[in-house]
């Protein structure tokens, strides 16, 4: 998976969280391409992959697993953390305001589950809501995700 912007990184990271909840199906590399390299883990584990040229096609592919979007406020960047916390148990994508029009229109037609824009003016206001959200979630929402050994041969490298 190739992310072009920070907003895309957040969006497609939340997609990975949803899709990989039951078994690993999407892999991306955000690290230093001059260190281990983007394919080291897949190769060393013997997995094949398909390079995806359009990340947005994955939203269409896995649309049935996505409940909607949670919009964060770019003016209070700490709302990304709150949106991510809220999105986890709701199987929602975390979206920036600039992505809303695209995600709510065809072919995705995703509903806005929560919109955090304008709800906070400082990062300190976000913290109590984030803590309350975590405490309100059942323990099952914080389980350990499947490891690479549970990935079927043929994971998608996107």
C-alpha atoms as a PDB file:
ATOM      1  CA  UNK A   1       0.000   0.000   0.000  1.00  0.00           C
ATOM      2  CA  UNK A   2       1.402   3.363  -0.937  1.00  0.00           C
ATOM      3  CA  UNK A   3       0.383   6.390   1.096  1.00  0.00           C
ATOM      4  CA  UNK A   4       0.920   9.757  -0.534  1.00  0.00           C
ATOM      5  CA  UNK A   5      -0.017  12.059   2.345  1.00  0.00           C
ATOM      6  CA  UNK A   6      -0.328  11.959   6.111  1.00  0.00           C
ATOM      7  CA  UNK A   7      -4.089  11.951   5.656  1.00  0.00           C
ATOM      8  CA  UNK A   8      -3.842   8.901   3.412  1.00  0.00           C
ATOM      9  CA  UNK A   9      -1.592   7.174   5.938  1.00  0.00           C
ATOM     10  CA  UNK A  10      -4.240   7.599   8.646  1.00  0.00           C
ATOM     11  CA  UNK A  11      -7.106   6.548   6.361  1.00  0.00           C
ATOM     12  CA  UNK A  12      -5.444   3.444   4.974  1.00  0.00           C
ATOM     13  CA  UNK A  13      -3.988   2.451   8.353  1.00  0.00           C
ATOM     14  CA  UNK A  14      -7.533   2.393   9.689  1.00  0.00           C
ATOM     15  CA  UNK A  15      -8.557   0.286   6.672  1.00  0.00           C
ATOM     16  CA  UNK A  16      -5.768  -2.179   7.490  1.00  0.00           C
ATOM     17  CA  UNK A  17      -7.072  -2.401  11.040  1.00  0.00           C
ATOM     18  CA  UNK A  18     -10.561  -3.295   9.848  1.00  0.00           C
ATOM     19  CA  UNK A  19      -9.560  -5.716   7.109  1.00  0.00           C
ATOM     20  CA  UNK A  20      -6.868  -7.481   9.120  1.00  0.00           C
ATOM     21  CA  UNK A  21      -9.096  -7.937  12.162  1.00  0.00           C
ATOM     22  CA  UNK A  22     -10.039 -11.489  11.213  1.00  0.00           C
ATOM     23  CA  UNK A  23      -6.879 -12.423   9.326  1.00  0.00           C
ATOM     24  CA  UNK A  24      -3.994 -10.549   7.702  1.00  0.00           C
ATOM     25  CA  UNK A  25      -4.953  -9.546   4.172  1.00  0.00           C
ATOM     26  CA  UNK A  26      -3.356  -6.127   3.686  1.00  0.00           C
ATOM     27  CA  UNK A  27       0.304  -5.343   4.268  1.00  0.00           C
ATOM     28  CA  UNK A  28       2.011  -1.998   3.891  1.00  0.00           C
ATOM     29  CA  UNK A  29       5.471  -0.720   4.569  1.00  0.00           C
ATOM     30  CA  UNK A  30       5.912   2.743   6.021  1.00  0.00           C
ATOM     31  CA  UNK A  31       9.474   2.272   7.235  1.00  0.00           C
ATOM     32  CA  UNK A  32      12.876   3.137   5.926  1.00  0.00           C
ATOM     33  CA  UNK A  33      13.214   1.545   2.503  1.00  0.00           C
ATOM     34  CA  UNK A  34      17.002   1.588   2.940  1.00  0.00           C
ATOM     35  CA  UNK A  35      16.883  -0.481   6.142  1.00  0.00           C
ATOM     36  CA  UNK A  36      15.156  -3.884   5.993  1.00  0.00           C
ATOM     37  CA  UNK A  37      13.261  -3.014   2.847  1.00  0.00           C
ATOM     38  CA  UNK A  38       9.589  -3.212   2.041  1.00  0.00           C
ATOM     39  CA  UNK A  39       9.509  -6.933   1.206  1.00  0.00           C
ATOM     40  CA  UNK A  40      11.854  -8.431   3.805  1.00  0.00           C
ATOM     41  CA  UNK A  41       9.161  -9.773   6.135  1.00  0.00           C
ATOM     42  CA  UNK A  42       6.950 -11.133   3.385  1.00  0.00           C
ATOM     43  CA  UNK A  43       9.876 -12.789   1.639  1.00  0.00           C
ATOM     44  CA  UNK A  44      11.374 -14.268   4.807  1.00  0.00           C
ATOM     45  CA  UNK A  45       7.984 -15.746   5.755  1.00  0.00           C
ATOM     46  CA  UNK A  46       7.476 -17.171   2.274  1.00  0.00           C
ATOM     47  CA  UNK A  47       4.409 -15.128   1.380  1.00  0.00           C
ATOM     48  CA  UNK A  48       3.481 -13.935  -2.058  1.00  0.00           C
ATOM     49  CA  UNK A  49       1.853 -10.572  -2.640  1.00  0.00           C
ATOM     50  CA  UNK A  50       0.075  -8.418  -5.150  1.00  0.00           C
ATOM     51  CA  UNK A  51       1.177  -4.823  -5.479  1.00  0.00           C
ATOM     52  CA  UNK A  52      -1.867  -2.518  -5.495  1.00  0.00           C
ATOM     53  CA  UNK A  53      -1.502   0.673  -7.528  1.00  0.00           C
ATOM     54  CA  UNK A  54      -4.697   2.358  -6.302  1.00  0.00           C
ATOM     55  CA  UNK A  55      -5.261   2.155  -2.543  1.00  0.00           C
ATOM     56  CA  UNK A  56      -8.776   3.520  -2.971  1.00  0.00           C
ATOM     57  CA  UNK A  57      -9.741   0.333  -4.806  1.00  0.00           C
ATOM     58  CA  UNK A  58      -9.248  -1.496  -1.506  1.00  0.00           C
ATOM     59  CA  UNK A  59     -12.055   0.533   0.054  1.00  0.00           C
ATOM     60  CA  UNK A  60     -14.371  -0.757  -2.667  1.00  0.00           C
ATOM     61  CA  UNK A  61     -13.056  -4.298  -2.296  1.00  0.00           C
ATOM     62  CA  UNK A  62     -13.647  -4.380   1.459  1.00  0.00           C
ATOM     63  CA  UNK A  63     -16.632  -2.017   1.571  1.00  0.00           C
ATOM     64  CA  UNK A  64     -18.900  -4.665   3.157  1.00  0.00           C
ATOM     65  CA  UNK A  65     -16.578  -4.763   6.193  1.00  0.00           C
ATOM     66  CA  UNK A  66     -16.603  -0.983   6.748  1.00  0.00           C
ATOM     67  CA  UNK A  67     -19.434   0.599   8.772  1.00  0.00           C
ATOM     68  CA  UNK A  68     -18.667   4.239   7.960  1.00  0.00           C
ATOM     69  CA  UNK A  69     -16.219   7.027   8.719  1.00  0.00           C
ATOM     70  CA  UNK A  70     -15.164   9.052  11.732  1.00  0.00           C
ATOM     71  CA  UNK A  71     -13.943  12.506  10.747  1.00  0.00           C
ATOM     72  CA  UNK A  72     -11.146  14.142  12.715  1.00  0.00           C
ATOM     73  CA  UNK A  73     -10.499  17.858  13.051  1.00  0.00           C
ATOM     74  CA  UNK A  74      -7.325  19.029  11.309  1.00  0.00           C
ATOM     75  CA  UNK A  75      -7.352  22.155  13.510  1.00  0.00           C
ATOM     76  CA  UNK A  76      -6.961  19.989  16.627  1.00  0.00           C
ATOM     77  CA  UNK A  77      -4.742  17.188  15.383  1.00  0.00           C
ATOM     78  CA  UNK A  78      -5.093  15.212  18.624  1.00  0.00           C
ATOM     79  CA  UNK A  79      -8.578  14.306  17.432  1.00  0.00           C
ATOM     80  CA  UNK A  80      -6.843  11.772  15.167  1.00  0.00           C
ATOM     81  CA  UNK A  81      -6.083   9.746  18.311  1.00  0.00           C
ATOM     82  CA  UNK A  82      -9.670  10.006  19.514  1.00  0.00           C
ATOM     83  CA  UNK A  83     -11.041   9.129  16.072  1.00  0.00           C
ATOM     84  CA  UNK A  84      -8.746   6.106  15.888  1.00  0.00           C
ATOM     85  CA  UNK A  85      -9.884   4.910  19.309  1.00  0.00           C
ATOM     86  CA  UNK A  86     -13.533   5.332  18.395  1.00  0.00           C
ATOM     87  CA  UNK A  87     -13.131   3.747  14.963  1.00  0.00           C
ATOM     88  CA  UNK A  88     -11.570   0.520  16.203  1.00  0.00           C
ATOM     89  CA  UNK A  89     -14.631  -1.102  17.715  1.00  0.00           C
ATOM     90  CA  UNK A  90     -16.965   0.457  15.157  1.00  0.00           C
ATOM     91  CA  UNK A  91     -15.118  -0.920  12.121  1.00  0.00           C
ATOM     92  CA  UNK A  92     -14.932   2.642  10.812  1.00  0.00           C
ATOM     93  CA  UNK A  93     -12.377   4.431   8.702  1.00  0.00           C
ATOM     94  CA  UNK A  94     -10.629   7.479  10.162  1.00  0.00           C
ATOM     95  CA  UNK A  95     -10.950  10.299   7.645  1.00  0.00           C
ATOM     96  CA  UNK A  96      -9.742  13.866   7.278  1.00  0.00           C
ATOM     97  CA  UNK A  97     -12.218  16.582   6.311  1.00  0.00           C
ATOM     98  CA  UNK A  98     -10.706  16.689   2.811  1.00  0.00           C
ATOM     99  CA  UNK A  99     -11.553  13.006   2.282  1.00  0.00           C
ATOM    100  CA  UNK A 100     -15.202  13.208   3.390  1.00  0.00           C
ATOM    101  CA  UNK A 101     -16.729  14.157   0.034  1.00  0.00           C
ATOM    102  CA  UNK A 102     -15.006  11.272  -1.745  1.00  0.00           C
ATOM    103  CA  UNK A 103     -15.822   8.693   0.936  1.00  0.00           C
ATOM    104  CA  UNK A 104     -19.484   9.638   1.289  1.00  0.00           C
ATOM    105  CA  UNK A 105     -20.117   9.660  -2.478  1.00  0.00           C
ATOM    106  CA  UNK A 106     -20.345   6.785  -4.934  1.00  0.00           C
ATOM    107  CA  UNK A 107     -18.862   4.253  -5.189  1.00  0.00           C
ATOM    108  CA  UNK A 108     -18.146   4.136  -1.426  1.00  0.00           C
ATOM    109  CA  UNK A 109     -21.287   5.801   0.000  1.00  0.00           C
ATOM    110  CA  UNK A 110     -19.951   5.578   3.539  1.00  0.00           C
ATOM    111  CA  UNK A 111     -22.015   7.249   6.254  1.00  0.00           C
ATOM    112  CA  UNK A 112     -20.415   9.650   8.731  1.00  0.00           C
ATOM    113  CA  UNK A 113     -20.679   7.901  12.092  1.00  0.00           C
ATOM    114  CA  UNK A 114     -19.027  10.703  14.055  1.00  0.00           C
ATOM    115  CA  UNK A 115     -17.698  14.122  13.131  1.00  0.00           C
ATOM    116  CA  UNK A 116     -15.155  15.586  15.554  1.00  0.00           C
ATOM    117  CA  UNK A 117     -14.730  18.867  13.678  1.00  0.00           C
ATOM    118  CA  UNK A 118     -15.360  21.909  15.847  1.00  0.00           C
ATOM    119  CA  UNK A 119     -15.952  19.905  19.030  1.00  0.00           C
ATOM    120  CA  UNK A 120     -12.597  20.792  20.606  1.00  0.00           C
ATOM    121  CA  UNK A 121     -10.416  23.893  20.587  1.00  0.00           C
ATOM    122  CA  UNK A 122      -7.337  22.520  22.388  1.00  0.00           C
ATOM    123  CA  UNK A 123      -5.599  19.179  22.585  1.00  0.00           C
ATOM    124  CA  UNK A 124      -6.222  19.052  26.325  1.00  0.00           C
ATOM    125  CA  UNK A 125      -9.967  18.992  25.717  1.00  0.00           C
ATOM    126  CA  UNK A 126      -9.592  15.839  23.625  1.00  0.00           C
ATOM    127  CA  UNK A 127      -7.917  13.736  26.323  1.00  0.00           C
ATOM    128  CA  UNK A 128     -10.901  13.196  28.670  1.00  0.00           C
ATOM    129  CA  UNK A 129     -13.063  12.066  25.742  1.00  0.00           C
ATOM    130  CA  UNK A 130     -10.343   9.704  24.552  1.00  0.00           C
ATOM    131  CA  UNK A 131      -9.933   8.166  28.010  1.00  0.00           C
ATOM    132  CA  UNK A 132     -13.698   7.844  28.434  1.00  0.00           C
ATOM    133  CA  UNK A 133     -13.971   6.159  25.022  1.00  0.00           C
ATOM    134  CA  UNK A 134     -11.338   3.586  25.920  1.00  0.00           C
ATOM    135  CA  UNK A 135     -12.923   2.858  29.292  1.00  0.00           C
ATOM    136  CA  UNK A 136     -16.355   2.449  27.705  1.00  0.00           C
ATOM    137  CA  UNK A 137     -15.171  -0.173  25.213  1.00  0.00           C
ATOM    138  CA  UNK A 138     -15.462  -3.867  26.065  1.00  0.00           C
ATOM    139  CA  UNK A 139     -12.158  -5.650  26.622  1.00  0.00           C
ATOM    140  CA  UNK A 140     -12.722  -7.605  23.411  1.00  0.00           C
ATOM    141  CA  UNK A 141     -12.063  -4.450  21.374  1.00  0.00           C
ATOM    142  CA  UNK A 142      -8.470  -4.444  22.613  1.00  0.00           C
ATOM    143  CA  UNK A 143      -7.581  -8.033  21.810  1.00  0.00           C
ATOM    144  CA  UNK A 144      -4.380  -9.087  20.133  1.00  0.00           C
ATOM    145  CA  UNK A 145      -4.534  -9.176  16.367  1.00  0.00           C
ATOM    146  CA  UNK A 146      -3.525 -12.270  14.356  1.00  0.00           C
ATOM    147  CA  UNK A 147       0.181 -12.677  13.831  1.00  0.00           C
ATOM    148  CA  UNK A 148       1.991 -13.227  10.551  1.00  0.00           C
ATOM    149  CA  UNK A 149       1.934 -17.004  11.058  1.00  0.00           C
ATOM    150  CA  UNK A 150      -1.843 -16.884  10.585  1.00  0.00           C
ATOM    151  CA  UNK A 151      -1.606 -15.109   7.247  1.00  0.00           C
ATOM    152  CA  UNK A 152      -2.639 -17.320   4.368  1.00  0.00           C
ATOM    153  CA  UNK A 153      -0.233 -17.697   1.522  1.00  0.00           C
ATOM    154  CA  UNK A 154      -0.988 -14.948  -0.939  1.00  0.00           C
ATOM    155  CA  UNK A 155      -1.416 -11.916   1.358  1.00  0.00           C
ATOM    156  CA  UNK A 156      -1.824  -8.709  -0.598  1.00  0.00           C
ATOM    157  CA  UNK A 157       1.181  -6.377  -0.535  1.00  0.00           C
ATOM    158  CA  UNK A 158      -0.299  -2.963  -1.103  1.00  0.00           C
END
